Amino acid sequence: MFITYHRGSRYKREIAGELSQFVANKLMPRMSPKLSIELCFVTNLFKREGVFGDCGYYEGDDVPRDFVIRLDAGIDEVDLLKTVAHEMVHVKQIARNELKELVRSPYFRFHKEYYHKGIDYFDKPWEIEAHGREEGLVIRWLEQRAEK
């Protein structure tokens, strides 16, 4: 996987990059080498947009391989790790074509089911999966890192 960084402290870039690589290898081992992730640390992202992070991708390919993960530059280490793991689950969902926003349509498709774009955030099954996996992925990464 090719990772680039935009801003952020050296330490935050290092742990975000390591965790991104770990999650990609765990969730998409064959696809991981084909992915490109740009980690962008944004000042006051939470204050301005109400999120610790989000995931976007460059359109054009049928199945996206180039992603941008924006992260609030000021969040603490625990929230940073959970946010990176969460957003990498979304990378997996999009790269494996499990989640697709249907352009010019009021729907998302997730695992062959259709959901209206107005669905509450915590009822979105792709968010349920991401929230459900984030902590376990961080714990597994920390365990692996401690073994080194």
N, C-alpha and C. Protein backbone atom coordinates (compact mmCIF):
# COMPACT_ATOMS: atom_id res chain seq x y z
N MET A 1 0.84 -1.17 0.00
CA MET A 1 0.00 0.00 0.00
C MET A 1 0.89 1.23 0.00
N PHE A 2 0.50 2.20 -0.76
CA PHE A 2 1.25 3.44 -0.85
C PHE A 2 0.56 4.49 0.02
N ILE A 3 1.27 5.04 0.99
CA ILE A 3 0.70 6.01 1.91
C ILE A 3 1.44 7.33 1.76
N THR A 4 0.67 8.41 1.64
CA THR A 4 1.25 9.75 1.66
C THR A 4 0.60 10.52 2.81
N TYR A 5 1.25 11.59 3.20
CA TYR A 5 0.79 12.36 4.35
C TYR A 5 0.71 13.82 3.98
N HIS A 6 -0.26 14.47 4.59
CA HIS A 6 -0.39 15.92 4.44
C HIS A 6 -0.54 16.49 5.84
N ARG A 7 0.49 17.21 6.27
CA ARG A 7 0.55 17.84 7.58
C ARG A 7 0.56 16.80 8.69
N GLY A 8 0.36 17.25 9.93
CA GLY A 8 0.37 16.36 11.08
C GLY A 8 1.76 16.20 11.65
N SER A 9 1.81 15.91 12.94
CA SER A 9 3.10 15.69 13.60
C SER A 9 3.72 14.39 13.11
N ARG A 10 5.01 14.30 13.25
CA ARG A 10 5.73 13.09 12.83
C ARG A 10 5.17 11.85 13.53
N TYR A 11 4.93 11.97 14.84
CA TYR A 11 4.42 10.84 15.61
C TYR A 11 3.04 10.42 15.13
N LYS A 12 2.13 11.37 14.94
CA LYS A 12 0.77 11.02 14.49
C LYS A 12 0.79 10.43 13.09
N ARG A 13 1.64 10.96 12.22
CA ARG A 13 1.76 10.38 10.87
C ARG A 13 2.25 8.94 10.96
N GLU A 14 3.24 8.71 11.83
CA GLU A 14 3.82 7.37 11.97
C GLU A 14 2.78 6.35 12.45
N ILE A 15 2.07 6.66 13.53
CA ILE A 15 1.12 5.67 14.06
C ILE A 15 -0.10 5.51 13.15
N ALA A 16 -0.54 6.60 12.53
CA ALA A 16 -1.67 6.51 11.60
C ALA A 16 -1.29 5.67 10.38
N GLY A 17 -0.08 5.86 9.88
CA GLY A 17 0.38 5.08 8.74
C GLY A 17 0.55 3.60 9.07
N GLU A 18 1.15 3.32 10.22
CA GLU A 18 1.33 1.92 10.63
C GLU A 18 -0.01 1.22 10.81
N LEU A 19 -0.94 1.89 11.48
CA LEU A 19 -2.25 1.28 11.71
C LEU A 19 -3.00 1.11 10.38
N SER A 20 -2.93 2.07 9.49
CA SER A 20 -3.58 1.95 8.18
C SER A 20 -3.07 0.72 7.44
N GLN A 21 -1.76 0.54 7.44
CA GLN A 21 -1.17 -0.62 6.77
C GLN A 21 -1.63 -1.92 7.42
N PHE A 22 -1.64 -1.95 8.75
CA PHE A 22 -2.07 -3.14 9.48
C PHE A 22 -3.51 -3.50 9.12
N VAL A 23 -4.41 -2.52 9.16
CA VAL A 23 -5.83 -2.78 8.88
C VAL A 23 -6.00 -3.23 7.43
N ALA A 24 -5.32 -2.59 6.52
CA ALA A 24 -5.42 -3.01 5.11
C ALA A 24 -4.96 -4.45 4.94
N ASN A 25 -3.87 -4.82 5.58
CA ASN A 25 -3.37 -6.20 5.48
C ASN A 25 -4.33 -7.20 6.12
N LYS A 26 -5.00 -6.79 7.21
CA LYS A 26 -5.94 -7.68 7.88
C LYS A 26 -7.23 -7.85 7.10
N LEU A 27 -7.78 -6.75 6.62
CA LEU A 27 -9.11 -6.79 6.00
C LEU A 27 -9.09 -7.05 4.51
N MET A 28 -7.98 -6.72 3.84
CA MET A 28 -7.91 -6.88 2.39
C MET A 28 -6.50 -7.28 1.97
N PRO A 29 -6.02 -8.42 2.40
CA PRO A 29 -4.61 -8.76 2.17
C PRO A 29 -4.19 -8.78 0.71
N ARG A 30 -5.03 -9.26 -0.18
CA ARG A 30 -4.65 -9.31 -1.60
C ARG A 30 -4.77 -7.96 -2.27
N MET A 31 -5.68 -7.14 -1.78
CA MET A 31 -5.92 -5.84 -2.39
C MET A 31 -4.98 -4.76 -1.86
N SER A 32 -4.46 -4.95 -0.68
CA SER A 32 -3.65 -3.94 0.00
C SER A 32 -2.54 -3.35 -0.86
N PRO A 33 -1.76 -4.15 -1.58
CA PRO A 33 -0.67 -3.57 -2.38
C PRO A 33 -1.15 -2.64 -3.49
N LYS A 34 -2.42 -2.73 -3.87
CA LYS A 34 -2.95 -1.92 -4.97
C LYS A 34 -3.55 -0.60 -4.50
N LEU A 35 -3.61 -0.39 -3.18
CA LEU A 35 -4.26 0.79 -2.64
C LEU A 35 -3.29 1.95 -2.44
N SER A 36 -3.84 3.14 -2.56
CA SER A 36 -3.10 4.36 -2.27
C SER A 36 -3.94 5.15 -1.25
N ILE A 37 -3.33 5.50 -0.13
CA ILE A 37 -4.04 6.22 0.93
C ILE A 37 -3.30 7.52 1.20
N GLU A 38 -4.03 8.62 1.19
CA GLU A 38 -3.48 9.91 1.59
C GLU A 38 -4.07 10.26 2.95
N LEU A 39 -3.23 10.39 3.95
CA LEU A 39 -3.67 10.76 5.29
C LEU A 39 -3.47 12.26 5.46
N CYS A 40 -4.57 12.99 5.58
CA CYS A 40 -4.54 14.45 5.68
C CYS A 40 -4.95 14.87 7.09
N PHE A 41 -4.06 15.52 7.79
CA PHE A 41 -4.35 16.03 9.13
C PHE A 41 -4.86 17.46 8.98
N VAL A 42 -6.10 17.68 9.40
CA VAL A 42 -6.80 18.94 9.19
C VAL A 42 -7.00 19.65 10.53
N THR A 43 -6.58 20.89 10.61
CA THR A 43 -6.76 21.68 11.82
C THR A 43 -8.24 21.97 12.04
N ASN A 44 -8.71 21.72 13.26
CA ASN A 44 -10.09 22.03 13.67
C ASN A 44 -11.16 21.33 12.84
N LEU A 45 -10.88 20.14 12.34
CA LEU A 45 -11.88 19.42 11.56
C LEU A 45 -13.14 19.15 12.39
N PHE A 46 -12.94 18.72 13.64
CA PHE A 46 -14.11 18.44 14.48
C PHE A 46 -14.89 19.72 14.77
N LYS A 47 -14.19 20.77 15.07
CA LYS A 47 -14.84 22.04 15.39
C LYS A 47 -15.64 22.57 14.19
N ARG A 48 -15.09 22.43 12.99
CA ARG A 48 -15.74 22.95 11.79
C ARG A 48 -16.82 22.03 11.22
N GLU A 49 -16.55 20.69 11.26
CA GLU A 49 -17.46 19.76 10.57
C GLU A 49 -18.09 18.71 11.48
N GLY A 50 -17.67 18.69 12.75
CA GLY A 50 -18.27 17.76 13.70
C GLY A 50 -17.82 16.32 13.55
N VAL A 51 -16.67 16.09 12.91
CA VAL A 51 -16.15 14.72 12.74
C VAL A 51 -14.66 14.68 13.10
N PHE A 52 -14.24 13.55 13.66
CA PHE A 52 -12.82 13.33 13.91
C PHE A 52 -12.10 12.93 12.63
N GLY A 53 -12.84 12.38 11.68
CA GLY A 53 -12.25 11.96 10.42
C GLY A 53 -13.31 11.56 9.42
N ASP A 54 -12.90 11.43 8.18
CA ASP A 54 -13.78 10.92 7.14
C ASP A 54 -12.94 10.31 6.03
N CYS A 55 -13.62 9.60 5.16
CA CYS A 55 -12.94 8.87 4.08
C CYS A 55 -13.56 9.27 2.75
N GLY A 56 -12.73 9.62 1.81
CA GLY A 56 -13.18 9.91 0.46
C GLY A 56 -12.31 9.16 -0.53
N TYR A 57 -12.69 9.22 -1.77
CA TYR A 57 -11.90 8.53 -2.79
C TYR A 57 -11.97 9.31 -4.09
N TYR A 58 -11.00 9.02 -4.94
CA TYR A 58 -10.95 9.66 -6.24
C TYR A 58 -11.80 8.84 -7.20
N GLU A 59 -12.78 9.49 -7.77
CA GLU A 59 -13.69 8.79 -8.66
C GLU A 59 -13.07 8.60 -10.03
N GLY A 60 -13.65 7.75 -10.80
CA GLY A 60 -13.16 7.50 -12.14
C GLY A 60 -13.05 6.02 -12.42
N ASP A 61 -12.48 5.28 -11.47
CA ASP A 61 -12.39 3.84 -11.64
C ASP A 61 -13.71 3.19 -11.21
N ASP A 62 -13.99 2.04 -11.78
CA ASP A 62 -15.19 1.30 -11.36
C ASP A 62 -15.09 0.95 -9.88
N VAL A 63 -13.93 0.51 -9.46
CA VAL A 63 -13.68 0.20 -8.06
C VAL A 63 -12.52 1.09 -7.60
N PRO A 64 -12.79 2.04 -6.72
CA PRO A 64 -11.74 2.97 -6.30
C PRO A 64 -10.56 2.28 -5.62
N ARG A 65 -9.37 2.82 -5.88
CA ARG A 65 -8.13 2.33 -5.25
C ARG A 65 -7.35 3.47 -4.59
N ASP A 66 -7.74 4.71 -4.87
CA ASP A 66 -7.04 5.88 -4.33
C ASP A 66 -7.96 6.61 -3.35
N PHE A 67 -7.55 6.67 -2.08
CA PHE A 67 -8.39 7.18 -1.02
C PHE A 67 -7.73 8.34 -0.29
N VAL A 68 -8.57 9.18 0.30
CA VAL A 68 -8.12 10.27 1.16
C VAL A 68 -8.83 10.10 2.50
N ILE A 69 -8.05 10.01 3.56
CA ILE A 69 -8.63 9.99 4.90
C ILE A 69 -8.23 11.29 5.58
N ARG A 70 -9.24 12.08 5.93
CA ARG A 70 -8.98 13.32 6.66
C ARG A 70 -9.12 13.03 8.15
N LEU A 71 -8.19 13.56 8.93
CA LEU A 71 -8.16 13.35 10.38
C LEU A 71 -8.00 14.68 11.07
N ASP A 72 -8.72 14.87 12.18
CA ASP A 72 -8.55 16.10 12.95
C ASP A 72 -7.15 16.09 13.54
N ALA A 73 -6.38 17.13 13.26
CA ALA A 73 -4.98 17.19 13.70
C ALA A 73 -4.83 17.32 15.21
N GLY A 74 -5.89 17.75 15.90
CA GLY A 74 -5.76 18.00 17.33
C GLY A 74 -6.29 16.91 18.24
N ILE A 75 -6.81 15.82 17.70
CA ILE A 75 -7.38 14.79 18.58
C ILE A 75 -6.28 14.01 19.28
N ASP A 76 -6.65 13.42 20.41
CA ASP A 76 -5.66 12.66 21.18
C ASP A 76 -5.36 11.32 20.49
N GLU A 77 -4.35 10.65 21.00
CA GLU A 77 -3.86 9.42 20.37
C GLU A 77 -4.93 8.33 20.30
N VAL A 78 -5.69 8.14 21.37
CA VAL A 78 -6.71 7.08 21.38
C VAL A 78 -7.77 7.35 20.32
N ASP A 79 -8.28 8.58 20.27
CA ASP A 79 -9.29 8.91 19.26
C ASP A 79 -8.70 8.85 17.85
N LEU A 80 -7.45 9.21 17.70
CA LEU A 80 -6.80 9.12 16.39
C LEU A 80 -6.77 7.66 15.91
N LEU A 81 -6.34 6.76 16.78
CA LEU A 81 -6.25 5.35 16.39
C LEU A 81 -7.63 4.77 16.07
N LYS A 82 -8.61 5.06 16.89
CA LYS A 82 -9.96 4.56 16.62
C LYS A 82 -10.51 5.13 15.32
N THR A 83 -10.22 6.40 15.05
CA THR A 83 -10.71 7.03 13.83
C THR A 83 -10.04 6.44 12.60
N VAL A 84 -8.73 6.22 12.66
CA VAL A 84 -8.02 5.62 11.52
C VAL A 84 -8.58 4.22 11.24
N ALA A 85 -8.75 3.41 12.28
CA ALA A 85 -9.28 2.06 12.09
C ALA A 85 -10.69 2.13 11.49
N HIS A 86 -11.51 3.02 12.02
CA HIS A 86 -12.88 3.19 11.52
C HIS A 86 -12.88 3.56 10.04
N GLU A 87 -12.08 4.53 9.67
CA GLU A 87 -12.06 4.99 8.28
C GLU A 87 -11.46 3.93 7.36
N MET A 88 -10.53 3.13 7.86
CA MET A 88 -9.97 2.05 7.04
C MET A 88 -11.00 0.95 6.80
N VAL A 89 -11.95 0.76 7.71
CA VAL A 89 -13.05 -0.16 7.44
C VAL A 89 -13.86 0.37 6.26
N HIS A 90 -14.07 1.69 6.21
CA HIS A 90 -14.77 2.27 5.06
C HIS A 90 -13.96 2.09 3.77
N VAL A 91 -12.65 2.21 3.85
CA VAL A 91 -11.81 1.95 2.67
C VAL A 91 -12.07 0.53 2.18
N LYS A 92 -12.08 -0.41 3.09
CA LYS A 92 -12.35 -1.81 2.72
C LYS A 92 -13.72 -1.95 2.07
N GLN A 93 -14.72 -1.32 2.66
CA GLN A 93 -16.08 -1.42 2.13
C GLN A 93 -16.17 -0.88 0.70
N ILE A 94 -15.51 0.22 0.46
CA ILE A 94 -15.57 0.85 -0.86
C ILE A 94 -14.69 0.09 -1.86
N ALA A 95 -13.47 -0.25 -1.45
CA ALA A 95 -12.53 -0.92 -2.36
C ALA A 95 -13.03 -2.30 -2.77
N ARG A 96 -13.75 -2.96 -1.87
CA ARG A 96 -14.29 -4.29 -2.19
C ARG A 96 -15.70 -4.22 -2.77
N ASN A 97 -16.12 -3.00 -3.09
CA ASN A 97 -17.42 -2.76 -3.70
C ASN A 97 -18.59 -3.23 -2.83
N GLU A 98 -18.39 -3.21 -1.52
CA GLU A 98 -19.47 -3.55 -0.60
C GLU A 98 -20.38 -2.35 -0.38
N LEU A 99 -19.80 -1.14 -0.43
CA LEU A 99 -20.54 0.10 -0.21
C LEU A 99 -20.39 0.98 -1.43
N LYS A 100 -21.52 1.47 -1.91
CA LYS A 100 -21.47 2.37 -3.07
C LYS A 100 -22.56 3.41 -2.92
N GLU A 101 -22.15 4.67 -3.06
CA GLU A 101 -23.13 5.74 -3.11
C GLU A 101 -23.62 5.81 -4.54
N LEU A 102 -24.91 5.70 -4.71
CA LEU A 102 -25.48 5.73 -6.05
C LEU A 102 -25.69 7.18 -6.46
N VAL A 103 -24.89 7.62 -7.40
CA VAL A 103 -24.92 9.00 -7.86
C VAL A 103 -26.25 9.26 -8.57
N ARG A 104 -26.77 10.45 -8.40
CA ARG A 104 -28.06 10.84 -8.98
C ARG A 104 -29.18 9.92 -8.51
N SER A 105 -29.05 9.45 -7.29
CA SER A 105 -30.06 8.58 -6.70
C SER A 105 -30.10 8.87 -5.21
N PRO A 106 -31.23 8.68 -4.57
CA PRO A 106 -31.29 8.93 -3.13
C PRO A 106 -30.86 7.72 -2.29
N TYR A 107 -30.07 6.81 -2.88
CA TYR A 107 -29.75 5.56 -2.18
C TYR A 107 -28.25 5.26 -2.14
N PHE A 108 -27.88 4.50 -1.11
CA PHE A 108 -26.60 3.82 -1.00
C PHE A 108 -26.89 2.34 -1.21
N ARG A 109 -25.90 1.62 -1.74
CA ARG A 109 -25.99 0.17 -1.80
C ARG A 109 -24.93 -0.40 -0.87
N PHE A 110 -25.33 -1.27 0.04
CA PHE A 110 -24.39 -1.93 0.95
C PHE A 110 -24.74 -3.40 0.99
N HIS A 111 -23.81 -4.23 0.56
CA HIS A 111 -24.01 -5.69 0.50
C HIS A 111 -25.33 -6.04 -0.20
N LYS A 112 -25.54 -5.44 -1.37
CA LYS A 112 -26.68 -5.72 -2.24
C LYS A 112 -28.03 -5.28 -1.68
N GLU A 113 -28.01 -4.54 -0.58
CA GLU A 113 -29.24 -3.95 -0.03
C GLU A 113 -29.19 -2.45 -0.28
N TYR A 114 -30.34 -1.83 -0.42
CA TYR A 114 -30.42 -0.40 -0.70
C TYR A 114 -30.94 0.35 0.52
N TYR A 115 -30.29 1.48 0.81
CA TYR A 115 -30.63 2.30 1.98
C TYR A 115 -30.75 3.75 1.54
N HIS A 116 -31.81 4.39 1.98
CA HIS A 116 -32.04 5.79 1.63
C HIS A 116 -30.95 6.65 2.26
N LYS A 117 -30.50 7.68 1.53
CA LYS A 117 -29.43 8.55 2.02
C LYS A 117 -29.83 9.31 3.28
N GLY A 118 -31.11 9.41 3.55
CA GLY A 118 -31.58 10.11 4.74
C GLY A 118 -31.59 9.26 6.01
N ILE A 119 -31.13 8.03 5.93
CA ILE A 119 -31.12 7.14 7.09
C ILE A 119 -30.24 7.73 8.20
N ASP A 120 -30.66 7.55 9.44
CA ASP A 120 -29.90 8.04 10.58
C ASP A 120 -28.50 7.42 10.60
N TYR A 121 -27.50 8.22 10.98
CA TYR A 121 -26.10 7.79 10.98
C TYR A 121 -25.91 6.45 11.69
N PHE A 122 -26.48 6.30 12.89
CA PHE A 122 -26.25 5.09 13.68
C PHE A 122 -27.08 3.90 13.22
N ASP A 123 -27.94 4.09 12.23
CA ASP A 123 -28.68 2.98 11.63
C ASP A 123 -28.05 2.50 10.33
N LYS A 124 -27.04 3.21 9.86
CA LYS A 124 -26.37 2.81 8.63
C LYS A 124 -25.53 1.56 8.90
N PRO A 125 -25.79 0.46 8.20
CA PRO A 125 -25.05 -0.77 8.49
C PRO A 125 -23.55 -0.66 8.25
N TRP A 126 -23.11 0.20 7.33
CA TRP A 126 -21.67 0.37 7.10
C TRP A 126 -21.03 1.11 8.28
N GLU A 127 -21.78 1.98 8.95
CA GLU A 127 -21.26 2.64 10.14
C GLU A 127 -21.26 1.69 11.32
N ILE A 128 -22.28 0.85 11.41
CA ILE A 128 -22.34 -0.16 12.48
C ILE A 128 -21.13 -1.07 12.37
N GLU A 129 -20.80 -1.51 11.15
CA GLU A 129 -19.61 -2.36 10.96
C GLU A 129 -18.34 -1.61 11.35
N ALA A 130 -18.19 -0.36 10.90
CA ALA A 130 -16.97 0.40 11.19
C ALA A 130 -16.81 0.66 12.69
N HIS A 131 -17.88 1.06 13.35
CA HIS A 131 -17.80 1.27 14.81
C HIS A 131 -17.54 -0.05 15.53
N GLY A 132 -18.14 -1.12 15.04
CA GLY A 132 -17.96 -2.41 15.68
C GLY A 132 -16.55 -2.98 15.56
N ARG A 133 -15.85 -2.62 14.52
CA ARG A 133 -14.52 -3.20 14.28
C ARG A 133 -13.38 -2.32 14.76
N GLU A 134 -13.61 -1.01 14.93
CA GLU A 134 -12.50 -0.08 15.17
C GLU A 134 -11.69 -0.44 16.41
N GLU A 135 -12.33 -0.69 17.53
CA GLU A 135 -11.59 -0.95 18.76
C GLU A 135 -10.80 -2.26 18.68
N GLY A 136 -11.41 -3.30 18.16
CA GLY A 136 -10.72 -4.59 18.03
C GLY A 136 -9.51 -4.49 17.12
N LEU A 137 -9.62 -3.74 16.05
CA LEU A 137 -8.48 -3.56 15.15
C LEU A 137 -7.34 -2.82 15.84
N VAL A 138 -7.68 -1.80 16.61
CA VAL A 138 -6.64 -1.05 17.35
C VAL A 138 -5.97 -1.96 18.36
N ILE A 139 -6.76 -2.73 19.10
CA ILE A 139 -6.18 -3.64 20.10
C ILE A 139 -5.26 -4.65 19.44
N ARG A 140 -5.67 -5.23 18.34
CA ARG A 140 -4.83 -6.22 17.65
C ARG A 140 -3.54 -5.58 17.13
N TRP A 141 -3.63 -4.35 16.63
CA TRP A 141 -2.44 -3.64 16.16
C TRP A 141 -1.49 -3.36 17.32
N LEU A 142 -2.04 -2.91 18.45
CA LEU A 142 -1.20 -2.63 19.62
C LEU A 142 -0.51 -3.91 20.13
N GLU A 143 -1.24 -5.01 20.15
CA GLU A 143 -0.64 -6.30 20.56
C GLU A 143 0.49 -6.70 19.63
N GLN A 144 0.26 -6.58 18.34
CA GLN A 144 1.29 -6.94 17.35
C GLN A 144 2.49 -6.02 17.50
N ARG A 145 2.24 -4.76 17.72
CA ARG A 145 3.32 -3.77 17.87
C ARG A 145 4.15 -4.05 19.13
N ALA A 146 3.48 -4.48 20.21
CA ALA A 146 4.17 -4.79 21.47
C ALA A 146 5.08 -6.02 21.34
N GLU A 147 4.71 -6.92 20.44
CA GLU A 147 5.51 -8.14 20.23
C GLU A 147 6.82 -7.86 19.53
N LYS A 148 6.91 -6.75 18.84
CA LYS A 148 8.13 -6.43 18.07
C LYS A 148 9.25 -6.00 18.97
